[in-house]
Amino acid sequence: SQPILGELTASQVTPDSIQLEWSVPEGTFDSFTLQYRDAQGQPQVVPVDGGVRTLTVPGLSPSRRYKFNLYGVWGRKRLGPISTDAVTGEGVGDMFVIYGLNCVLSIAAPAPDEEEPSSQPILGELTASNVTPDSIQLEWSVPEGTFDSFTLQYRDAQGQPESLHVDGGARTLTVPGLSPSRRYNFYLYGILGQKRLGPISLDTMTGEGLHQMCPSPLWALDLVASVEELQSKPRLGDLTAPHITPNSVQLEWSVLEGTFDSFTVEYKDAQGQPQVVPVDGGARTVTMA
């Protein structure tokens, strides 16, 4: 069953760091991702191993309010976030700052432009309900709350990024103009005010038109060959970050079935610029420095 994120709290505050703690009431996550903005307003992302329940965020500015969002990564799904606001100290004394902060968080009303974490909507699952050679119909659920809108992202047959925007009341979308017998990865984000939550993702393939009737006996042979070819395709397993230092992240992944010619790791650096790292098909680990 799907694991559940509990609460995110600030357990220790200093003028230049905040120690965060969180709980997982049910199940286990493969890893976590912490997101926040630094003093210059630049987004920061910190991957954390799935067995960890505490993290110290260094390099912060004194007497400044920070908002932290923690996501749980389970397979190919990113669940959450759970959030907390915390203010770095002035060096007056950690115990005073901690208890004062907890008091403020427990009685203060949320800012007008922010939602309380408990009222934040949740994305469910993304599935393919109808597949043809040139289109895929997607469906998704929202177990709790409502979103203002949704954004679907994928890459077309030429590898170019595509983005589709959908009204918040929609729960289905047909993606047209696809290529037959091609695998596509779809990522759905929920938009709530200024926040983009998610994504939930789906990996699926367009059809070959085999659903159409054909009197030739060769049709049955083509169908068998097609199924065997699909079953022989390699499958990716889990991606984890087993070792993290202040200036590097070691990634590991598994291949459940078959072999790949190569892998490609994509990420954004500290300046927000996209980076692409090619990896040999026999490798199962890479260190990003």
C-alpha atoms as a PDB file:
ATOM      1  CA  SER A   1       0.000   0.000   0.000  1.00  0.00           C
ATOM      2  CA  GLN A   2       1.019   3.611  -0.583  1.00  0.00           C
ATOM      3  CA  PRO A   3       3.117   5.124   2.250  1.00  0.00           C
ATOM      4  CA  ILE A   4       1.906   8.237   4.069  1.00  0.00           C
ATOM      5  CA  LEU A   5       3.846  11.348   5.073  1.00  0.00           C
ATOM      6  CA  GLY A   6       3.233  12.674   8.595  1.00  0.00           C
ATOM      7  CA  GLU A   7       4.332  16.058   9.930  1.00  0.00           C
ATOM      8  CA  LEU A   8       7.366  18.223   9.159  1.00  0.00           C
ATOM      9  CA  THR A   9       8.766  20.245  12.091  1.00  0.00           C
ATOM     10  CA  ALA A  10      11.793  22.407  12.903  1.00  0.00           C
ATOM     11  CA  SER A  11      13.452  20.749  15.906  1.00  0.00           C
ATOM     12  CA  GLN A  12      16.540  22.977  16.206  1.00  0.00           C
ATOM     13  CA  VAL A  13      17.164  26.522  14.940  1.00  0.00           C
ATOM     14  CA  THR A  14      20.408  28.538  14.834  1.00  0.00           C
ATOM     15  CA  PRO A  15      21.229  31.825  13.058  1.00  0.00           C
ATOM     16  CA  ASP A  16      22.570  29.955   9.994  1.00  0.00           C
ATOM     17  CA  SER A  17      20.866  26.544  10.018  1.00  0.00           C
ATOM     18  CA  ILE A  18      17.574  24.752  10.673  1.00  0.00           C
ATOM     19  CA  GLN A  19      17.237  21.104  11.644  1.00  0.00           C
ATOM     20  CA  LEU A  20      14.075  19.486  10.259  1.00  0.00           C
ATOM     21  CA  GLU A  21      12.349  16.316  11.402  1.00  0.00           C
ATOM     22  CA  TRP A  22       9.473  14.391   9.832  1.00  0.00           C
ATOM     23  CA  SER A  23       7.445  11.241  10.372  1.00  0.00           C
ATOM     24  CA  VAL A  24       6.096   8.456   8.169  1.00  0.00           C
ATOM     25  CA  PRO A  25       3.037   6.992   9.942  1.00  0.00           C
ATOM     26  CA  GLU A  26       2.596   4.188   7.433  1.00  0.00           C
ATOM     27  CA  GLY A  27       4.796   2.378   4.896  1.00  0.00           C
ATOM     28  CA  THR A  28       8.269   3.272   3.641  1.00  0.00           C
ATOM     29  CA  PHE A  29       9.602   5.650   0.993  1.00  0.00           C
ATOM     30  CA  ASP A  30      12.520   5.028  -1.369  1.00  0.00           C
ATOM     31  CA  SER A  31      13.806   8.563  -0.774  1.00  0.00           C
ATOM     32  CA  PHE A  32      12.741  12.117   0.086  1.00  0.00           C
ATOM     33  CA  THR A  33      13.226  15.476  -1.624  1.00  0.00           C
ATOM     34  CA  LEU A  34      13.393  18.739   0.329  1.00  0.00           C
ATOM     35  CA  GLN A  35      12.711  21.977  -1.536  1.00  0.00           C
ATOM     36  CA  TYR A  36      13.122  25.580  -0.346  1.00  0.00           C
ATOM     37  CA  ARG A  37      14.373  28.966  -1.541  1.00  0.00           C
ATOM     38  CA  ASP A  38      17.635  30.491  -0.306  1.00  0.00           C
ATOM     39  CA  ALA A  39      18.154  34.082   0.831  1.00  0.00           C
ATOM     40  CA  GLN A  40      18.441  35.192  -2.810  1.00  0.00           C
ATOM     41  CA  GLY A  41      15.141  33.527  -3.715  1.00  0.00           C
ATOM     42  CA  GLN A  42      16.816  30.746  -5.731  1.00  0.00           C
ATOM     43  CA  PRO A  43      15.152  27.291  -5.486  1.00  0.00           C
ATOM     44  CA  GLN A  44      17.200  24.620  -3.718  1.00  0.00           C
ATOM     45  CA  VAL A  45      16.597  20.847  -3.880  1.00  0.00           C
ATOM     46  CA  VAL A  46      18.104  18.392  -1.373  1.00  0.00           C
ATOM     47  CA  PRO A  47      17.651  14.609  -1.985  1.00  0.00           C
ATOM     48  CA  VAL A  48      17.531  12.468   1.184  1.00  0.00           C
ATOM     49  CA  ASP A  49      17.709   8.688   1.683  1.00  0.00           C
ATOM     50  CA  GLY A  50      14.406   6.917   2.446  1.00  0.00           C
ATOM     51  CA  GLY A  51      15.546   5.731   5.889  1.00  0.00           C
ATOM     52  CA  VAL A  52      16.322   9.249   7.146  1.00  0.00           C
ATOM     53  CA  ARG A  53      13.898  11.214   9.369  1.00  0.00           C
ATOM     54  CA  THR A  54      15.982  14.313  10.096  1.00  0.00           C
ATOM     55  CA  LEU A  55      18.026  16.787   8.058  1.00  0.00           C
ATOM     56  CA  THR A  56      20.005  19.918   8.905  1.00  0.00           C
ATOM     57  CA  VAL A  57      19.833  22.683   6.295  1.00  0.00           C
ATOM     58  CA  PRO A  58      23.038  24.810   6.541  1.00  0.00           C
ATOM     59  CA  GLY A  59      24.106  28.101   4.959  1.00  0.00           C
ATOM     60  CA  LEU A  60      20.990  30.087   5.890  1.00  0.00           C
ATOM     61  CA  SER A  61      20.728  33.809   6.737  1.00  0.00           C
ATOM     62  CA  PRO A  62      19.961  35.012  10.303  1.00  0.00           C
ATOM     63  CA  SER A  63      16.483  36.274  11.260  1.00  0.00           C
ATOM     64  CA  ARG A  64      14.920  35.105   7.989  1.00  0.00           C
ATOM     65  CA  ARG A  65      11.746  33.110   7.391  1.00  0.00           C
ATOM     66  CA  TYR A  66      12.086  29.989   5.241  1.00  0.00           C
ATOM     67  CA  LYS A  67       9.399  27.676   3.900  1.00  0.00           C
ATOM     68  CA  PHE A  68      10.333  24.021   3.467  1.00  0.00           C
ATOM     69  CA  ASN A  69       8.425  21.452   1.355  1.00  0.00           C
ATOM     70  CA  LEU A  70       9.208  17.756   1.775  1.00  0.00           C
ATOM     71  CA  TYR A  71       8.177  15.158  -0.828  1.00  0.00           C
ATOM     72  CA  GLY A  72       8.280  11.382  -0.437  1.00  0.00           C
ATOM     73  CA  VAL A  73       9.476   9.394  -3.458  1.00  0.00           C
ATOM     74  CA  TRP A  74       7.889   5.951  -3.814  1.00  0.00           C
ATOM     75  CA  GLY A  75       8.774   4.107  -7.019  1.00  0.00           C
ATOM     76  CA  ARG A  76       8.005   6.565  -9.814  1.00  0.00           C
ATOM     77  CA  LYS A  77       5.577   8.585  -7.690  1.00  0.00           C
ATOM     78  CA  ARG A  78       6.338  11.759  -5.737  1.00  0.00           C
ATOM     79  CA  LEU A  79       3.892  12.130  -2.829  1.00  0.00           C
ATOM     80  CA  GLY A  80       3.228  15.208  -0.745  1.00  0.00           C
ATOM     81  CA  PRO A  81       4.461  17.730   0.043  1.00  0.00           C
ATOM     82  CA  ILE A  82       4.296  18.330   3.772  1.00  0.00           C
ATOM     83  CA  SER A  83       5.404  21.851   4.698  1.00  0.00           C
ATOM     84  CA  THR A  84       6.636  24.003   7.550  1.00  0.00           C
ATOM     85  CA  ASP A  85       7.695  27.618   8.044  1.00  0.00           C
ATOM     86  CA  ALA A  86      10.676  28.391  10.285  1.00  0.00           C
ATOM     87  CA  VAL A  87      12.694  31.510  11.150  1.00  0.00           C
ATOM     88  CA  THR A  88      16.448  31.368  11.682  1.00  0.00           C
ATOM     89  CA  GLY A  89      17.658  32.672  15.037  1.00  0.00           C
ATOM     90  CA  GLU A  90      19.598  35.737  16.111  1.00  0.00           C
ATOM     91  CA  GLY A  91      21.905  33.867  18.466  1.00  0.00           C
ATOM     92  CA  VAL A  92      19.726  34.705  21.499  1.00  0.00           C
ATOM     93  CA  GLY A  93      19.521  31.083  22.579  1.00  0.00           C
ATOM     94  CA  ASP A  94      18.300  28.039  20.744  1.00  0.00           C
ATOM     95  CA  MET A  95      15.777  26.898  23.361  1.00  0.00           C
ATOM     96  CA  PHE A  96      14.045  30.285  23.425  1.00  0.00           C
ATOM     97  CA  VAL A  97      13.879  30.462  19.640  1.00  0.00           C
ATOM     98  CA  ILE A  98      12.552  26.910  19.326  1.00  0.00           C
ATOM     99  CA  TYR A  99       9.762  27.277  21.880  1.00  0.00           C
ATOM    100  CA  GLY A 100       8.856  30.728  20.603  1.00  0.00           C
ATOM    101  CA  LEU A 101       8.655  29.415  17.055  1.00  0.00           C
ATOM    102  CA  ASN A 102       6.462  26.484  18.045  1.00  0.00           C
ATOM    103  CA  CYS A 103       4.131  28.828  19.872  1.00  0.00           C
ATOM    104  CA  VAL A 104       3.800  31.105  16.855  1.00  0.00           C
ATOM    105  CA  LEU A 105       3.183  28.201  14.509  1.00  0.00           C
ATOM    106  CA  SER A 106       0.490  26.767  16.760  1.00  0.00           C
ATOM    107  CA  ILE A 107      -1.615  29.930  17.104  1.00  0.00           C
ATOM    108  CA  ALA A 108      -0.855  32.124  14.089  1.00  0.00           C
ATOM    109  CA  ALA A 109      -3.307  32.235  11.197  1.00  0.00           C
ATOM    110  CA  PRO A 110      -1.889  31.492   7.738  1.00  0.00           C
ATOM    111  CA  ALA A 111      -0.799  34.358   5.534  1.00  0.00           C
ATOM    112  CA  PRO A 112      -3.522  35.468   3.098  1.00  0.00           C
ATOM    113  CA  ASP A 113      -1.644  34.172   0.052  1.00  0.00           C
ATOM    114  CA  GLU A 114      -0.776  30.756   1.509  1.00  0.00           C
ATOM    115  CA  GLU A 115      -2.823  27.622   2.151  1.00  0.00           C
ATOM    116  CA  GLU A 116      -2.480  25.616   5.363  1.00  0.00           C
ATOM    117  CA  PRO A 117      -0.747  22.282   4.732  1.00  0.00           C
ATOM    118  CA  SER A 118      -3.848  20.383   5.894  1.00  0.00           C
ATOM    119  CA  SER A 119      -6.000  22.020   3.175  1.00  0.00           C
ATOM    120  CA  GLN A 120      -3.576  21.250   0.359  1.00  0.00           C
ATOM    121  CA  PRO A 121      -5.070  18.991  -2.346  1.00  0.00           C
ATOM    122  CA  ILE A 122      -3.513  15.627  -3.171  1.00  0.00           C
ATOM    123  CA  LEU A 123      -2.866  14.042  -6.564  1.00  0.00           C
ATOM    124  CA  GLY A 124      -3.845  10.378  -6.900  1.00  0.00           C
ATOM    125  CA  GLU A 125      -2.889   8.038  -9.759  1.00  0.00           C
ATOM    126  CA  LEU A 126      -2.376   8.650 -13.478  1.00  0.00           C
ATOM    127  CA  THR A 127      -3.558   5.874 -15.823  1.00  0.00           C
ATOM    128  CA  ALA A 128      -4.073   5.275 -19.574  1.00  0.00           C
ATOM    129  CA  SER A 129      -7.733   4.403 -20.191  1.00  0.00           C
ATOM    130  CA  ASN A 130      -7.672   4.236 -24.012  1.00  0.00           C
ATOM    131  CA  VAL A 131      -4.697   3.709 -26.346  1.00  0.00           C
ATOM    132  CA  THR A 132      -4.643   3.957 -30.158  1.00  0.00           C
ATOM    133  CA  PRO A 133      -1.715   4.116 -32.637  1.00  0.00           C
ATOM    134  CA  ASP A 134      -1.773   7.958 -32.626  1.00  0.00           C
ATOM    135  CA  SER A 135      -3.330   8.963 -29.283  1.00  0.00           C
ATOM    136  CA  ILE A 136      -3.486   8.092 -25.591  1.00  0.00           C
ATOM    137  CA  GLN A 137      -6.364   8.986 -23.281  1.00  0.00           C
ATOM    138  CA  LEU A 138      -5.189   9.701 -19.726  1.00  0.00           C
ATOM    139  CA  GLU A 139      -7.230   9.701 -16.524  1.00  0.00           C
ATOM    140  CA  TRP A 140      -6.259  10.815 -13.008  1.00  0.00           C
ATOM    141  CA  SER A 141      -7.758  11.169  -9.565  1.00  0.00           C
ATOM    142  CA  VAL A 142      -7.664  13.790  -6.813  1.00  0.00           C
ATOM    143  CA  PRO A 143      -8.356  11.977  -3.511  1.00  0.00           C
ATOM    144  CA  GLU A 144      -8.508  15.192  -1.499  1.00  0.00           C
ATOM    145  CA  GLY A 145      -9.133  18.887  -2.209  1.00  0.00           C
ATOM    146  CA  THR A 146      -9.305  20.711  -5.541  1.00  0.00           C
ATOM    147  CA  PHE A 147      -6.729  22.201  -7.932  1.00  0.00           C
ATOM    148  CA  ASP A 148      -7.020  25.404  -9.967  1.00  0.00           C
ATOM    149  CA  SER A 149      -5.675  23.628 -13.050  1.00  0.00           C
ATOM    150  CA  PHE A 150      -3.384  20.834 -14.244  1.00  0.00           C
ATOM    151  CA  THR A 151      -0.324  20.753 -16.512  1.00  0.00           C
ATOM    152  CA  LEU A 152       0.663  17.664 -18.510  1.00  0.00           C
ATOM    153  CA  GLN A 153       4.236  17.414 -19.781  1.00  0.00           C
ATOM    154  CA  TYR A 154       5.770  14.886 -22.188  1.00  0.00           C
ATOM    155  CA  ARG A 155       8.173  14.674 -25.148  1.00  0.00           C
ATOM    156  CA  ASP A 156       6.958  14.154 -28.717  1.00  0.00           C
ATOM    157  CA  ALA A 157       8.405  11.679 -31.247  1.00  0.00           C
ATOM    158  CA  GLN A 158      11.230  14.144 -32.037  1.00  0.00           C
ATOM    159  CA  GLY A 159      12.135  14.482 -28.337  1.00  0.00           C
ATOM    160  CA  GLN A 160      10.760  18.026 -28.069  1.00  0.00           C
ATOM    161  CA  PRO A 161       9.033  18.934 -24.774  1.00  0.00           C
ATOM    162  CA  GLU A 162       5.264  19.436 -24.973  1.00  0.00           C
ATOM    163  CA  SER A 163       2.994  20.982 -22.336  1.00  0.00           C
ATOM    164  CA  LEU A 164      -0.822  20.817 -22.146  1.00  0.00           C
ATOM    165  CA  HIS A 165      -2.910  22.859 -19.684  1.00  0.00           C
ATOM    166  CA  VAL A 166      -6.202  21.490 -18.342  1.00  0.00           C
ATOM    167  CA  ASP A 167      -8.952  23.030 -16.209  1.00  0.00           C
ATOM    168  CA  GLY A 168      -9.010  22.062 -12.541  1.00  0.00           C
ATOM    169  CA  GLY A 169     -12.335  20.251 -12.891  1.00  0.00           C
ATOM    170  CA  ALA A 170     -11.047  17.866 -15.575  1.00  0.00           C
ATOM    171  CA  ARG A 171     -10.053  14.279 -14.786  1.00  0.00           C
ATOM    172  CA  THR A 172      -9.336  13.035 -18.301  1.00  0.00           C
ATOM    173  CA  LEU A 173      -7.336  14.227 -21.322  1.00  0.00           C
ATOM    174  CA  THR A 174      -6.667  12.759 -24.764  1.00  0.00           C
ATOM    175  CA  VAL A 175      -3.164  13.411 -26.128  1.00  0.00           C
ATOM    176  CA  PRO A 176      -3.323  13.393 -29.971  1.00  0.00           C
ATOM    177  CA  GLY A 177      -0.674  13.416 -32.709  1.00  0.00           C
ATOM    178  CA  LEU A 178       1.469  10.600 -31.291  1.00  0.00           C
ATOM    179  CA  SER A 179       3.542   8.056 -33.239  1.00  0.00           C
ATOM    180  CA  PRO A 180       2.587   4.340 -33.408  1.00  0.00           C
ATOM    181  CA  SER A 181       4.459   1.741 -31.337  1.00  0.00           C
ATOM    182  CA  ARG A 182       6.315   4.407 -29.349  1.00  0.00           C
ATOM    183  CA  ARG A 183       6.849   4.659 -25.582  1.00  0.00           C
ATOM    184  CA  TYR A 184       5.884   7.954 -23.917  1.00  0.00           C
ATOM    185  CA  ASN A 185       6.438   9.262 -20.383  1.00  0.00           C
ATOM    186  CA  PHE A 186       3.703  11.578 -19.107  1.00  0.00           C
ATOM    187  CA  TYR A 187       4.019  13.866 -16.047  1.00  0.00           C
ATOM    188  CA  LEU A 188       0.935  15.536 -14.533  1.00  0.00           C
ATOM    189  CA  TYR A 189       1.246  18.498 -12.143  1.00  0.00           C
ATOM    190  CA  GLY A 190      -1.534  20.055 -10.064  1.00  0.00           C
ATOM    191  CA  ILE A 191      -1.599  23.875  -9.921  1.00  0.00           C
ATOM    192  CA  LEU A 192      -2.824  25.524  -6.717  1.00  0.00           C
ATOM    193  CA  GLY A 193      -2.386  29.295  -6.680  1.00  0.00           C
ATOM    194  CA  GLN A 194       1.364  29.918  -7.094  1.00  0.00           C
ATOM    195  CA  LYS A 195       2.263  26.300  -6.241  1.00  0.00           C
ATOM    196  CA  ARG A 196       2.892  23.410  -8.632  1.00  0.00           C
ATOM    197  CA  LEU A 197       2.388  20.073  -6.865  1.00  0.00           C
ATOM    198  CA  GLY A 198       3.443  16.653  -8.088  1.00  0.00           C
ATOM    199  CA  PRO A 199       4.136  15.235 -10.522  1.00  0.00           C
ATOM    200  CA  ILE A 200       2.389  11.901 -10.853  1.00  0.00           C
ATOM    201  CA  SER A 201       3.729   9.991 -13.838  1.00  0.00           C
ATOM    202  CA  LEU A 202       2.893   7.233 -16.307  1.00  0.00           C
ATOM    203  CA  ASP A 203       5.020   5.274 -18.786  1.00  0.00           C
ATOM    204  CA  THR A 204       2.941   3.807 -21.622  1.00  0.00           C
ATOM    205  CA  MET A 205       3.102   2.919 -25.336  1.00  0.00           C
ATOM    206  CA  THR A 206       0.930   3.734 -28.339  1.00  0.00           C
ATOM    207  CA  GLY A 207      -0.679   0.862 -30.251  1.00  0.00           C
ATOM    208  CA  GLU A 208       0.115  -0.669 -33.637  1.00  0.00           C
ATOM    209  CA  GLY A 209      -3.461  -0.839 -34.947  1.00  0.00           C
ATOM    210  CA  LEU A 210      -3.739  -4.566 -34.170  1.00  0.00           C
ATOM    211  CA  HIS A 211      -7.237  -4.031 -32.762  1.00  0.00           C
ATOM    212  CA  GLN A 212      -8.550  -3.749 -36.345  1.00  0.00           C
ATOM    213  CA  MET A 213      -9.940  -6.924 -37.915  1.00  0.00           C
ATOM    214  CA  CYS A 214      -7.738  -8.599 -40.549  1.00  0.00           C
ATOM    215  CA  PRO A 215      -8.726 -11.820 -42.413  1.00  0.00           C
ATOM    216  CA  SER A 216      -5.141 -12.881 -43.174  1.00  0.00           C
ATOM    217  CA  PRO A 217      -3.689 -15.770 -41.060  1.00  0.00           C
ATOM    218  CA  LEU A 218      -0.480 -13.742 -40.866  1.00  0.00           C
ATOM    219  CA  TRP A 219      -2.266 -11.295 -38.553  1.00  0.00           C
ATOM    220  CA  ALA A 220      -2.145 -13.834 -35.706  1.00  0.00           C
ATOM    221  CA  LEU A 221       1.590 -14.362 -36.296  1.00  0.00           C
ATOM    222  CA  ASP A 222       2.204 -10.596 -36.286  1.00  0.00           C
ATOM    223  CA  LEU A 223       0.312 -10.262 -33.003  1.00  0.00           C
ATOM    224  CA  VAL A 224       2.383 -12.966 -31.305  1.00  0.00           C
ATOM    225  CA  ALA A 225       5.620 -11.410 -32.552  1.00  0.00           C
ATOM    226  CA  SER A 226       4.465  -7.999 -31.329  1.00  0.00           C
ATOM    227  CA  VAL A 227       3.638  -9.285 -27.842  1.00  0.00           C
ATOM    228  CA  GLU A 228       6.961 -11.125 -27.574  1.00  0.00           C
ATOM    229  CA  GLU A 229       8.818  -8.008 -28.671  1.00  0.00           C
ATOM    230  CA  LEU A 230       7.004  -5.900 -26.059  1.00  0.00           C
ATOM    231  CA  GLN A 231       7.714  -8.436 -23.299  1.00  0.00           C
ATOM    232  CA  SER A 232      11.415  -8.531 -24.181  1.00  0.00           C
ATOM    233  CA  LYS A 233      11.904  -4.779 -23.728  1.00  0.00           C
ATOM    234  CA  PRO A 234      14.065  -3.863 -20.721  1.00  0.00           C
ATOM    235  CA  ARG A 235      12.465  -2.297 -17.662  1.00  0.00           C
ATOM    236  CA  LEU A 236      13.863   0.305 -15.272  1.00  0.00           C
ATOM    237  CA  GLY A 237      13.546  -0.246 -11.522  1.00  0.00           C
ATOM    238  CA  ASP A 238      14.099   2.270  -8.709  1.00  0.00           C
ATOM    239  CA  LEU A 239      16.399   5.308  -8.608  1.00  0.00           C
ATOM    240  CA  THR A 240      17.887   6.136  -5.184  1.00  0.00           C
ATOM    241  CA  ALA A 241      20.471   8.482  -3.667  1.00  0.00           C
ATOM    242  CA  PRO A 242      22.451   6.280  -1.209  1.00  0.00           C
ATOM    243  CA  HIS A 243      25.259   8.765  -0.532  1.00  0.00           C
ATOM    244  CA  ILE A 244      25.014  12.558  -0.226  1.00  0.00           C
ATOM    245  CA  THR A 245      27.729  15.123   0.552  1.00  0.00           C
ATOM    246  CA  PRO A 246      27.551  18.946   0.531  1.00  0.00           C
ATOM    247  CA  ASN A 247      28.816  19.063  -3.077  1.00  0.00           C
ATOM    248  CA  SER A 248      27.880  15.687  -4.609  1.00  0.00           C
ATOM    249  CA  VAL A 249      25.085  13.109  -4.868  1.00  0.00           C
ATOM    250  CA  GLN A 250      25.647   9.452  -5.679  1.00  0.00           C
ATOM    251  CA  LEU A 251      22.787   7.874  -7.635  1.00  0.00           C
ATOM    252  CA  GLU A 252      22.024   4.165  -7.952  1.00  0.00           C
ATOM    253  CA  TRP A 253      19.379   2.423 -10.049  1.00  0.00           C
ATOM    254  CA  SER A 254      18.220  -1.060 -10.983  1.00  0.00           C
ATOM    255  CA  VAL A 255      17.122  -2.741 -14.197  1.00  0.00           C
ATOM    256  CA  LEU A 256      14.377  -5.263 -13.462  1.00  0.00           C
ATOM    257  CA  GLU A 257      14.489  -6.962 -16.840  1.00  0.00           C
ATOM    258  CA  GLY A 258      16.692  -6.928 -19.962  1.00  0.00           C
ATOM    259  CA  THR A 259      19.536  -4.540 -20.816  1.00  0.00           C
ATOM    260  CA  PHE A 260      19.801  -0.942 -22.026  1.00  0.00           C
ATOM    261  CA  ASP A 261      22.315   0.456 -24.520  1.00  0.00           C
ATOM    262  CA  SER A 262      22.890   3.508 -22.320  1.00  0.00           C
ATOM    263  CA  PHE A 263      21.290   5.804 -19.741  1.00  0.00           C
ATOM    264  CA  THR A 264      20.817   9.573 -19.542  1.00  0.00           C
ATOM    265  CA  VAL A 265      20.639  11.539 -16.270  1.00  0.00           C
ATOM    266  CA  GLU A 266      18.973  14.946 -16.474  1.00  0.00           C
ATOM    267  CA  TYR A 267      18.994  17.588 -13.710  1.00  0.00           C
ATOM    268  CA  LYS A 268      19.292  21.324 -13.109  1.00  0.00           C
ATOM    269  CA  ASP A 269      22.438  22.826 -11.565  1.00  0.00           C
ATOM    270  CA  ALA A 270      22.618  25.486  -8.828  1.00  0.00           C
ATOM    271  CA  GLN A 271      22.019  28.204 -11.427  1.00  0.00           C
ATOM    272  CA  GLY A 272      18.904  26.449 -12.709  1.00  0.00           C
ATOM    273  CA  GLN A 273      20.560  25.403 -15.971  1.00  0.00           C
ATOM    274  CA  PRO A 274      19.596  21.946 -17.329  1.00  0.00           C
ATOM    275  CA  GLN A 275      22.422  19.402 -17.396  1.00  0.00           C
ATOM    276  CA  VAL A 276      22.550  16.055 -19.247  1.00  0.00           C
ATOM    277  CA  VAL A 277      24.944  13.236 -18.281  1.00  0.00           C
ATOM    278  CA  PRO A 278      25.224  10.148 -20.549  1.00  0.00           C
ATOM    279  CA  VAL A 279      25.994   6.860 -18.749  1.00  0.00           C
ATOM    280  CA  ASP A 280      27.082   3.486 -20.163  1.00  0.00           C
ATOM    281  CA  GLY A 281      24.383   0.800 -20.330  1.00  0.00           C
ATOM    282  CA  GLY A 282      26.311  -1.503 -17.996  1.00  0.00           C
ATOM    283  CA  ALA A 283      26.556   1.059 -15.207  1.00  0.00           C
ATOM    284  CA  ARG A 284      24.232   1.099 -12.195  1.00  0.00           C
ATOM    285  CA  THR A 285      25.669   4.061 -10.307  1.00  0.00           C
ATOM    286  CA  VAL A 286      26.951   7.584 -11.035  1.00  0.00           C
ATOM    287  CA  THR A 287      28.164  10.412  -8.828  1.00  0.00           C
ATOM    288  CA  MET A 288      26.990  13.962  -9.647  1.00  0.00           C
ATOM    289  CA  ALA A 289      29.560  16.501  -8.430  1.00  0.00           C
END
